[in-house]
C-alpha cells in the first residue's frame, strides 16, 4: 500500500494494475490482483486464512451486540473508528478462549476484562473530561448498580467545549448475550446541569437491572455537553463528549 504524495494529482479509480482510493489517511494507492476468493474458500493451503476470517466475523458480531445495546449512549459520541477498534479488542478477547477450537472461539469465553476502561471516543478519555474520582458498586444477585459521584466544581473539574452552558452525566448497565443483537441497556443520568462555578453536591446514579443475570455485565459512564438558549437545548460537538466502560463483571 502506498500513499499519494503529490498535492496536485489526486486520483480515484483503477489504472492498469493500480487502484487509487481515499481513506481517513488521505489519498492512497495499492496494487490490484491477489489470490482469488474461490481459491481462498477451497484451497487447503488457505485453511488458516479461512479460520482467521471466521474469527474476524465472530469478533465483529460480538462488538455489534454491545454497540446495538448502547445505541442511545453512542449517539452522543463521534469516533469514526469505533467499530474497528471495538472489533479488534473483541478479536483479542476471543483469542483467549480456552474452550473452543481455532475459528470457533467466542468472546464470552475469553478475558472480557480487556474491555475495562475501553474508550468509545478515542480522542477524549472520560477521565480527562471529568476529573473527579467516582466509585462504583454492582450487585449481580439483587440487580442493582450504583455510581457514586463526589462533590465537585464544574468549571474546575470538567473540561467542556467552548460555548457549553450545561452538561449531562449518564450511565448504563448492560448484560450482554453475544449470541443475539437484542440486548437491553438499563440507564440513569443526572439530567442537564449548569456548567458554572457553583459546587455540585455529591450524588449517586442508581441503576436497576435484571437480578441474577447469567451474562457478562458492562457498566458505562459518559458525559455530554449542550448549550441551552431560551429553554431550547442545542447539542455541542459529539467529538467533545466522552464515554467509557468503567466496569466488567463476569458471572
C-alpha atoms as a PDB file:
ATOM      1  CA  UNK A   1       0.000   0.000   0.000  1.00  0.00           C
ATOM      2  CA  UNK A   2       1.335   3.422  -0.932  1.00  0.00           C
ATOM      3  CA  UNK A   3       0.266   6.977  -0.230  1.00  0.00           C
ATOM      4  CA  UNK A   4      -0.131   9.540  -2.990  1.00  0.00           C
ATOM      5  CA  UNK A   5       2.262  12.340  -2.111  1.00  0.00           C
ATOM      6  CA  UNK A   6       1.560  14.864  -4.858  1.00  0.00           C
ATOM      7  CA  UNK A   7      -0.767  17.673  -3.707  1.00  0.00           C
ATOM      8  CA  UNK A   8      -1.760  18.289  -7.330  1.00  0.00           C
ATOM      9  CA  UNK A   9      -2.669  14.801  -8.578  1.00  0.00           C
ATOM     10  CA  UNK A  10      -5.377  13.117  -6.507  1.00  0.00           C
ATOM     11  CA  UNK A  11      -6.654  10.042  -8.312  1.00  0.00           C
ATOM     12  CA  UNK A  12      -9.600   7.764  -7.642  1.00  0.00           C
ATOM     13  CA  UNK A  13     -10.309   4.529  -9.516  1.00  0.00           C
ATOM     14  CA  UNK A  14      -8.146   1.998 -11.325  1.00  0.00           C
ATOM     15  CA  UNK A  15      -5.340   2.497 -13.831  1.00  0.00           C
ATOM     16  CA  UNK A  16      -3.709  -0.675 -15.166  1.00  0.00           C
ATOM     17  CA  UNK A  17      -2.733  -2.659 -12.055  1.00  0.00           C
ATOM     18  CA  UNK A  18      -3.081   0.181  -9.575  1.00  0.00           C
ATOM     19  CA  UNK A  19      -6.169   1.086  -7.579  1.00  0.00           C
ATOM     20  CA  UNK A  20      -6.421   4.653  -6.241  1.00  0.00           C
ATOM     21  CA  UNK A  21      -8.763   5.423  -3.362  1.00  0.00           C
ATOM     22  CA  UNK A  22      -9.392   7.788  -0.448  1.00  0.00           C
ATOM     23  CA  UNK A  23      -9.152   6.734   3.195  1.00  0.00           C
ATOM     24  CA  UNK A  24      -9.017   8.594   6.501  1.00  0.00           C
ATOM     25  CA  UNK A  25      -5.245   8.679   5.975  1.00  0.00           C
ATOM     26  CA  UNK A  26      -5.561  10.553   2.679  1.00  0.00           C
ATOM     27  CA  UNK A  27      -5.269   9.574  -0.981  1.00  0.00           C
ATOM     28  CA  UNK A  28      -3.845   6.041  -1.197  1.00  0.00           C
ATOM     29  CA  UNK A  29      -2.749   3.575  -3.898  1.00  0.00           C
ATOM     30  CA  UNK A  30      -2.478  -0.216  -3.907  1.00  0.00           C
ATOM     31  CA  UNK A  31      -1.800  -2.928  -6.449  1.00  0.00           C
ATOM     32  CA  UNK A  32      -4.620  -4.963  -7.934  1.00  0.00           C
ATOM     33  CA  UNK A  33      -4.617  -8.692  -8.002  1.00  0.00           C
ATOM     34  CA  UNK A  34      -4.009 -11.255  -5.300  1.00  0.00           C
ATOM     35  CA  UNK A  35      -5.444 -14.672  -4.618  1.00  0.00           C
ATOM     36  CA  UNK A  36      -8.964 -15.346  -5.869  1.00  0.00           C
ATOM     37  CA  UNK A  37     -11.828 -15.665  -3.409  1.00  0.00           C
ATOM     38  CA  UNK A  38     -12.617 -19.137  -4.769  1.00  0.00           C
ATOM     39  CA  UNK A  39      -9.106 -20.375  -4.004  1.00  0.00           C
ATOM     40  CA  UNK A  40      -9.167 -18.924  -0.502  1.00  0.00           C
ATOM     41  CA  UNK A  41     -12.506 -20.640   0.060  1.00  0.00           C
ATOM     42  CA  UNK A  42     -11.417 -24.112  -1.068  1.00  0.00           C
ATOM     43  CA  UNK A  43      -7.621 -24.493  -1.156  1.00  0.00           C
ATOM     44  CA  UNK A  44      -6.306 -26.386   1.926  1.00  0.00           C
ATOM     45  CA  UNK A  45      -3.273 -24.081   1.883  1.00  0.00           C
ATOM     46  CA  UNK A  46      -5.560 -21.253   2.968  1.00  0.00           C
ATOM     47  CA  UNK A  47      -7.135 -23.043   5.919  1.00  0.00           C
ATOM     48  CA  UNK A  48      -5.618 -20.594   8.426  1.00  0.00           C
ATOM     49  CA  UNK A  49      -6.834 -17.685   6.314  1.00  0.00           C
ATOM     50  CA  UNK A  50     -10.360 -19.083   6.449  1.00  0.00           C
ATOM     51  CA  UNK A  51     -10.146 -19.590  10.207  1.00  0.00           C
ATOM     52  CA  UNK A  52      -8.880 -16.043  10.664  1.00  0.00           C
ATOM     53  CA  UNK A  53     -11.835 -14.829   8.610  1.00  0.00           C
ATOM     54  CA  UNK A  54     -14.259 -16.759  10.789  1.00  0.00           C
ATOM     55  CA  UNK A  55     -12.823 -15.264  13.960  1.00  0.00           C
ATOM     56  CA  UNK A  56     -12.879 -11.785  12.461  1.00  0.00           C
ATOM     57  CA  UNK A  57     -16.592 -12.264  11.808  1.00  0.00           C
ATOM     58  CA  UNK A  58     -17.235 -13.574  15.316  1.00  0.00           C
ATOM     59  CA  UNK A  59     -15.370 -10.635  16.834  1.00  0.00           C
ATOM     60  CA  UNK A  60     -17.284  -8.193  14.644  1.00  0.00           C
ATOM     61  CA  UNK A  61     -20.631  -9.632  15.695  1.00  0.00           C
ATOM     62  CA  UNK A  62     -19.633  -9.536  19.375  1.00  0.00           C
ATOM     63  CA  UNK A  63     -18.777  -5.862  19.056  1.00  0.00           C
ATOM     64  CA  UNK A  64     -22.023  -5.215  17.234  1.00  0.00           C
ATOM     65  CA  UNK A  65     -24.037  -6.801  20.069  1.00  0.00           C
ATOM     66  CA  UNK A  66     -22.523  -4.350  22.525  1.00  0.00           C
ATOM     67  CA  UNK A  67     -22.823  -1.359  20.199  1.00  0.00           C
ATOM     68  CA  UNK A  68     -26.504  -2.018  19.489  1.00  0.00           C
ATOM     69  CA  UNK A  69     -27.297  -2.292  23.196  1.00  0.00           C
ATOM     70  CA  UNK A  70     -25.585   1.086  23.729  1.00  0.00           C
ATOM     71  CA  UNK A  71     -27.135   2.726  20.680  1.00  0.00           C
ATOM     72  CA  UNK A  72     -28.614   5.587  22.719  1.00  0.00           C
ATOM     73  CA  UNK A  73     -25.321   6.314  24.516  1.00  0.00           C
ATOM     74  CA  UNK A  74     -23.243   6.027  21.355  1.00  0.00           C
ATOM     75  CA  UNK A  75     -25.495   8.504  19.547  1.00  0.00           C
ATOM     76  CA  UNK A  76     -23.830  11.138  21.729  1.00  0.00           C
ATOM     77  CA  UNK A  77     -20.280  10.165  20.692  1.00  0.00           C
ATOM     78  CA  UNK A  78     -18.309  10.816  17.494  1.00  0.00           C
ATOM     79  CA  UNK A  79     -15.498   8.378  16.644  1.00  0.00           C
ATOM     80  CA  UNK A  80     -15.265   7.134  13.060  1.00  0.00           C
ATOM     81  CA  UNK A  81     -13.028   4.240  14.050  1.00  0.00           C
ATOM     82  CA  UNK A  82     -15.092   2.960  16.963  1.00  0.00           C
ATOM     83  CA  UNK A  83     -16.364  -0.133  15.116  1.00  0.00           C
ATOM     84  CA  UNK A  84     -12.904  -1.227  14.002  1.00  0.00           C
ATOM     85  CA  UNK A  85     -11.359  -0.539  17.417  1.00  0.00           C
ATOM     86  CA  UNK A  86     -14.047  -2.489  19.227  1.00  0.00           C
ATOM     87  CA  UNK A  87     -13.815  -5.370  16.746  1.00  0.00           C
ATOM     88  CA  UNK A  88     -10.041  -5.506  17.233  1.00  0.00           C
ATOM     89  CA  UNK A  89     -10.498  -5.707  21.001  1.00  0.00           C
ATOM     90  CA  UNK A  90     -13.163  -8.409  20.695  1.00  0.00           C
ATOM     91  CA  UNK A  91     -10.869 -10.486  18.480  1.00  0.00           C
ATOM     92  CA  UNK A  92      -8.087 -10.188  21.045  1.00  0.00           C
ATOM     93  CA  UNK A  93     -10.555 -11.323  23.714  1.00  0.00           C
ATOM     94  CA  UNK A  94     -11.892 -14.337  21.826  1.00  0.00           C
ATOM     95  CA  UNK A  95      -8.305 -15.433  21.171  1.00  0.00           C
ATOM     96  CA  UNK A  96      -8.064 -16.081  24.939  1.00  0.00           C
ATOM     97  CA  UNK A  97     -10.987 -18.547  24.782  1.00  0.00           C
ATOM     98  CA  UNK A  98      -9.571 -21.765  26.336  1.00  0.00           C
ATOM     99  CA  UNK A  99     -12.525 -23.930  25.290  1.00  0.00           C
ATOM    100  CA  UNK A 100     -13.275 -23.727  21.562  1.00  0.00           C
ATOM    101  CA  UNK A 101     -11.124 -24.569  18.546  1.00  0.00           C
ATOM    102  CA  UNK A 102      -9.456 -22.018  16.294  1.00  0.00           C
ATOM    103  CA  UNK A 103     -12.150 -20.446  14.127  1.00  0.00           C
ATOM    104  CA  UNK A 104     -14.857 -21.199  16.689  1.00  0.00           C
ATOM    105  CA  UNK A 105     -13.617 -19.209  19.686  1.00  0.00           C
ATOM    106  CA  UNK A 106     -16.048 -16.830  21.355  1.00  0.00           C
ATOM    107  CA  UNK A 107     -15.595 -13.527  23.169  1.00  0.00           C
ATOM    108  CA  UNK A 108     -17.852 -14.602  26.038  1.00  0.00           C
ATOM    109  CA  UNK A 109     -15.379 -17.397  26.873  1.00  0.00           C
ATOM    110  CA  UNK A 110     -12.356 -15.094  26.748  1.00  0.00           C
ATOM    111  CA  UNK A 111     -10.849 -12.462  29.006  1.00  0.00           C
ATOM    112  CA  UNK A 112     -13.541  -9.782  28.886  1.00  0.00           C
ATOM    113  CA  UNK A 113     -11.641  -7.690  31.416  1.00  0.00           C
ATOM    114  CA  UNK A 114      -9.707  -6.382  28.398  1.00  0.00           C
ATOM    115  CA  UNK A 115     -12.740  -4.161  27.782  1.00  0.00           C
ATOM    116  CA  UNK A 116     -12.367  -2.414  31.142  1.00  0.00           C
ATOM    117  CA  UNK A 117     -11.571   1.278  30.566  1.00  0.00           C
ATOM    118  CA  UNK A 118     -12.412   0.998  26.853  1.00  0.00           C
ATOM    119  CA  UNK A 119     -12.985   4.498  25.480  1.00  0.00           C
ATOM    120  CA  UNK A 120     -15.793   4.939  22.951  1.00  0.00           C
ATOM    121  CA  UNK A 121     -14.269   8.273  21.954  1.00  0.00           C
ATOM    122  CA  UNK A 122     -10.580   7.525  21.472  1.00  0.00           C
ATOM    123  CA  UNK A 123      -9.691  11.226  21.309  1.00  0.00           C
ATOM    124  CA  UNK A 124     -11.206  12.119  24.672  1.00  0.00           C
ATOM    125  CA  UNK A 125     -10.865   9.709  27.621  1.00  0.00           C
ATOM    126  CA  UNK A 126     -13.689  10.063  30.124  1.00  0.00           C
ATOM    127  CA  UNK A 127     -11.266  10.744  33.000  1.00  0.00           C
ATOM    128  CA  UNK A 128      -9.890  13.690  31.047  1.00  0.00           C
ATOM    129  CA  UNK A 129     -13.309  15.261  30.502  1.00  0.00           C
ATOM    130  CA  UNK A 130     -14.492  14.514  34.056  1.00  0.00           C
ATOM    131  CA  UNK A 131     -11.648  14.583  36.583  1.00  0.00           C
ATOM    132  CA  UNK A 132     -13.376  13.790  39.936  1.00  0.00           C
ATOM    133  CA  UNK A 133     -12.800  10.270  41.215  1.00  0.00           C
ATOM    134  CA  UNK A 134     -16.068   8.328  41.372  1.00  0.00           C
ATOM    135  CA  UNK A 135     -16.755   4.938  42.954  1.00  0.00           C
ATOM    136  CA  UNK A 136     -18.914   2.096  41.709  1.00  0.00           C
ATOM    137  CA  UNK A 137     -20.767  -0.864  43.170  1.00  0.00           C
ATOM    138  CA  UNK A 138     -22.544  -3.670  41.318  1.00  0.00           C
ATOM    139  CA  UNK A 139     -24.678  -6.386  42.873  1.00  0.00           C
ATOM    140  CA  UNK A 140     -25.462  -9.069  40.313  1.00  0.00           C
ATOM    141  CA  UNK A 141     -27.667 -11.022  42.719  1.00  0.00           C
ATOM    142  CA  UNK A 142     -30.020  -8.125  43.504  1.00  0.00           C
ATOM    143  CA  UNK A 143     -29.724  -6.420  40.121  1.00  0.00           C
ATOM    144  CA  UNK A 144     -28.561  -3.027  41.336  1.00  0.00           C
ATOM    145  CA  UNK A 145     -25.661  -0.848  40.310  1.00  0.00           C
ATOM    146  CA  UNK A 146     -24.578   2.469  41.782  1.00  0.00           C
ATOM    147  CA  UNK A 147     -22.117   5.090  40.596  1.00  0.00           C
ATOM    148  CA  UNK A 148     -21.199   7.473  43.393  1.00  0.00           C
ATOM    149  CA  UNK A 149     -20.158  10.919  42.178  1.00  0.00           C
ATOM    150  CA  UNK A 150     -18.328  13.159  44.690  1.00  0.00           C
ATOM    151  CA  UNK A 151     -18.864  16.874  45.176  1.00  0.00           C
ATOM    152  CA  UNK A 152     -17.035  18.947  42.565  1.00  0.00           C
ATOM    153  CA  UNK A 153     -16.988  22.339  40.857  1.00  0.00           C
ATOM    154  CA  UNK A 154     -17.981  22.042  37.171  1.00  0.00           C
ATOM    155  CA  UNK A 155     -15.767  24.743  35.667  1.00  0.00           C
ATOM    156  CA  UNK A 156     -12.800  23.483  37.698  1.00  0.00           C
ATOM    157  CA  UNK A 157     -13.196  19.725  37.387  1.00  0.00           C
ATOM    158  CA  UNK A 158     -14.818  19.315  33.967  1.00  0.00           C
ATOM    159  CA  UNK A 159     -13.305  20.100  30.564  1.00  0.00           C
ATOM    160  CA  UNK A 160     -16.075  21.490  28.381  1.00  0.00           C
ATOM    161  CA  UNK A 161     -16.164  22.642  24.755  1.00  0.00           C
ATOM    162  CA  UNK A 162     -16.438  26.389  24.236  1.00  0.00           C
ATOM    163  CA  UNK A 163     -19.989  27.654  24.435  1.00  0.00           C
ATOM    164  CA  UNK A 164     -21.397  24.901  26.642  1.00  0.00           C
ATOM    165  CA  UNK A 165     -23.869  26.045  29.265  1.00  0.00           C
ATOM    166  CA  UNK A 166     -24.796  22.617  30.650  1.00  0.00           C
ATOM    167  CA  UNK A 167     -23.548  19.043  30.877  1.00  0.00           C
ATOM    168  CA  UNK A 168     -25.135  15.656  31.499  1.00  0.00           C
ATOM    169  CA  UNK A 169     -23.521  12.681  33.199  1.00  0.00           C
ATOM    170  CA  UNK A 170     -25.118   9.446  32.023  1.00  0.00           C
ATOM    171  CA  UNK A 171     -24.592   5.779  32.851  1.00  0.00           C
ATOM    172  CA  UNK A 172     -25.836   2.398  31.705  1.00  0.00           C
ATOM    173  CA  UNK A 173     -25.643  -1.210  32.867  1.00  0.00           C
ATOM    174  CA  UNK A 174     -25.711  -3.749  30.030  1.00  0.00           C
ATOM    175  CA  UNK A 175     -25.986  -7.536  30.461  1.00  0.00           C
ATOM    176  CA  UNK A 176     -24.794  -8.847  27.075  1.00  0.00           C
ATOM    177  CA  UNK A 177     -25.590 -12.174  25.421  1.00  0.00           C
ATOM    178  CA  UNK A 178     -23.169 -12.133  22.492  1.00  0.00           C
ATOM    179  CA  UNK A 179     -25.269 -14.657  20.579  1.00  0.00           C
ATOM    180  CA  UNK A 180     -28.041 -12.092  19.985  1.00  0.00           C
ATOM    181  CA  UNK A 181     -28.361  -8.448  18.975  1.00  0.00           C
ATOM    182  CA  UNK A 182     -31.344  -7.661  21.203  1.00  0.00           C
ATOM    183  CA  UNK A 183     -29.547  -6.866  24.463  1.00  0.00           C
ATOM    184  CA  UNK A 184     -31.018  -4.137  26.654  1.00  0.00           C
ATOM    185  CA  UNK A 185     -29.201  -1.327  28.443  1.00  0.00           C
ATOM    186  CA  UNK A 186     -30.581  -0.017  31.736  1.00  0.00           C
ATOM    187  CA  UNK A 187     -29.931   3.703  32.125  1.00  0.00           C
ATOM    188  CA  UNK A 188     -29.708   6.637  34.515  1.00  0.00           C
ATOM    189  CA  UNK A 189     -28.462  10.221  34.186  1.00  0.00           C
ATOM    190  CA  UNK A 190     -28.096  13.451  36.118  1.00  0.00           C
ATOM    191  CA  UNK A 191     -30.008  15.428  33.502  1.00  0.00           C
ATOM    192  CA  UNK A 192     -28.628  18.722  32.235  1.00  0.00           C
ATOM    193  CA  UNK A 193     -26.688  20.508  34.972  1.00  0.00           C
ATOM    194  CA  UNK A 194     -25.292  24.069  34.744  1.00  0.00           C
ATOM    195  CA  UNK A 195     -21.661  24.382  33.748  1.00  0.00           C
ATOM    196  CA  UNK A 196     -20.629  27.085  36.217  1.00  0.00           C
ATOM    197  CA  UNK A 197     -18.525  27.739  39.288  1.00  0.00           C
ATOM    198  CA  UNK A 198     -21.168  26.642  41.788  1.00  0.00           C
ATOM    199  CA  UNK A 199     -20.200  23.424  43.601  1.00  0.00           C
ATOM    200  CA  UNK A 200     -22.214  20.355  42.607  1.00  0.00           C
ATOM    201  CA  UNK A 201     -23.221  18.176  45.535  1.00  0.00           C
ATOM    202  CA  UNK A 202     -22.303  14.504  45.749  1.00  0.00           C
ATOM    203  CA  UNK A 203     -24.862  12.299  44.058  1.00  0.00           C
ATOM    204  CA  UNK A 204     -25.459   8.652  43.194  1.00  0.00           C
ATOM    205  CA  UNK A 205     -26.667   7.246  39.884  1.00  0.00           C
ATOM    206  CA  UNK A 206     -28.624   4.110  40.814  1.00  0.00           C
ATOM    207  CA  UNK A 207     -29.418   1.659  38.038  1.00  0.00           C
ATOM    208  CA  UNK A 208     -31.664  -1.374  38.378  1.00  0.00           C
ATOM    209  CA  UNK A 209     -31.255  -4.326  36.009  1.00  0.00           C
ATOM    210  CA  UNK A 210     -32.469  -7.962  35.942  1.00  0.00           C
ATOM    211  CA  UNK A 211     -31.250  -9.829  39.015  1.00  0.00           C
ATOM    212  CA  UNK A 212     -29.023 -12.885  38.696  1.00  0.00           C
ATOM    213  CA  UNK A 213     -28.272 -12.323  35.019  1.00  0.00           C
ATOM    214  CA  UNK A 214     -26.245 -15.223  33.540  1.00  0.00           C
ATOM    215  CA  UNK A 215     -24.493 -12.902  31.082  1.00  0.00           C
ATOM    216  CA  UNK A 216     -21.403 -10.697  31.290  1.00  0.00           C
ATOM    217  CA  UNK A 217     -22.351  -7.222  32.548  1.00  0.00           C
ATOM    218  CA  UNK A 218     -20.797  -3.973  31.347  1.00  0.00           C
ATOM    219  CA  UNK A 219     -21.140  -0.607  33.068  1.00  0.00           C
ATOM    220  CA  UNK A 220     -20.518   2.582  31.098  1.00  0.00           C
ATOM    221  CA  UNK A 221     -20.264   6.182  32.254  1.00  0.00           C
ATOM    222  CA  UNK A 222     -20.267   9.186  29.971  1.00  0.00           C
ATOM    223  CA  UNK A 223     -20.590  12.951  29.780  1.00  0.00           C
ATOM    224  CA  UNK A 224     -22.191  15.116  27.107  1.00  0.00           C
ATOM    225  CA  UNK A 225     -22.255  18.885  26.690  1.00  0.00           C
ATOM    226  CA  UNK A 226     -25.085  21.098  25.444  1.00  0.00           C
ATOM    227  CA  UNK A 227     -25.952  24.746  25.038  1.00  0.00           C
ATOM    228  CA  UNK A 228     -29.343  25.870  26.329  1.00  0.00           C
ATOM    229  CA  UNK A 229     -30.748  29.117  24.945  1.00  0.00           C
ATOM    230  CA  UNK A 230     -34.237  30.323  25.919  1.00  0.00           C
ATOM    231  CA  UNK A 231     -35.164  26.860  27.097  1.00  0.00           C
ATOM    232  CA  UNK A 232     -34.062  25.109  23.895  1.00  0.00           C
ATOM    233  CA  UNK A 233     -31.301  22.505  24.044  1.00  0.00           C
ATOM    234  CA  UNK A 234     -28.606  22.542  21.349  1.00  0.00           C
ATOM    235  CA  UNK A 235     -26.060  19.734  21.054  1.00  0.00           C
ATOM    236  CA  UNK A 236     -22.385  20.612  21.220  1.00  0.00           C
ATOM    237  CA  UNK A 237     -19.803  18.718  19.157  1.00  0.00           C
ATOM    238  CA  UNK A 238     -20.127  14.971  19.713  1.00  0.00           C
ATOM    239  CA  UNK A 239     -16.347  14.742  19.355  1.00  0.00           C
ATOM    240  CA  UNK A 240     -16.158  16.601  22.700  1.00  0.00           C
ATOM    241  CA  UNK A 241     -18.278  14.032  24.576  1.00  0.00           C
ATOM    242  CA  UNK A 242     -16.795  11.026  26.365  1.00  0.00           C
ATOM    243  CA  UNK A 243     -17.949   7.506  27.230  1.00  0.00           C
ATOM    244  CA  UNK A 244     -16.011   4.738  28.969  1.00  0.00           C
ATOM    245  CA  UNK A 245     -16.591   1.152  30.108  1.00  0.00           C
ATOM    246  CA  UNK A 246     -15.974   1.594  33.835  1.00  0.00           C
ATOM    247  CA  UNK A 247     -16.680  -1.977  34.952  1.00  0.00           C
ATOM    248  CA  UNK A 248     -16.871  -5.503  33.534  1.00  0.00           C
ATOM    249  CA  UNK A 249     -18.499  -8.196  35.649  1.00  0.00           C
ATOM    250  CA  UNK A 250     -18.390 -11.822  34.514  1.00  0.00           C
ATOM    251  CA  UNK A 251     -20.621 -14.494  36.149  1.00  0.00           C
END
